[in-house]
């Protein structure tokens, strides 16, 4: 449903997607949404929240930043990762690399809480 909404609303400029306690959404679902986001070229502000989605891990996070990477008009992004055992340093390293390469970003908010498999390596990459 989210992917269909994004397909039919390619002129959206501001988008907030919050997946909270979605036990059945995994990396494949996040990757599908990310692919649709990459097609929404008019987006200037995106907020994405993954909270207690236990089946979303590093592959989902990497797909998300890959989808966001194609948005040249994007100037503001909020990424929220909360209460996850499946997101590790690998995912945060991908986020850090994307932020470093996204020269058009003027506003970035990262909220990371309760991600018990992140270490200093993930934090340093940001």
Foldseek 3Di string as FASTA:
>chain_A
DLLVVLVVCLQDAEEEDADELPQPDALVNLLSNLQSLLSSQNHAEYEYHDYNHARYELSSLLSNLVSVLNRLNHAEYEYEYYQYQRYELNSLLSVLVSVVVNPNYDYYHYHYYNHVRYDVSSVVSD
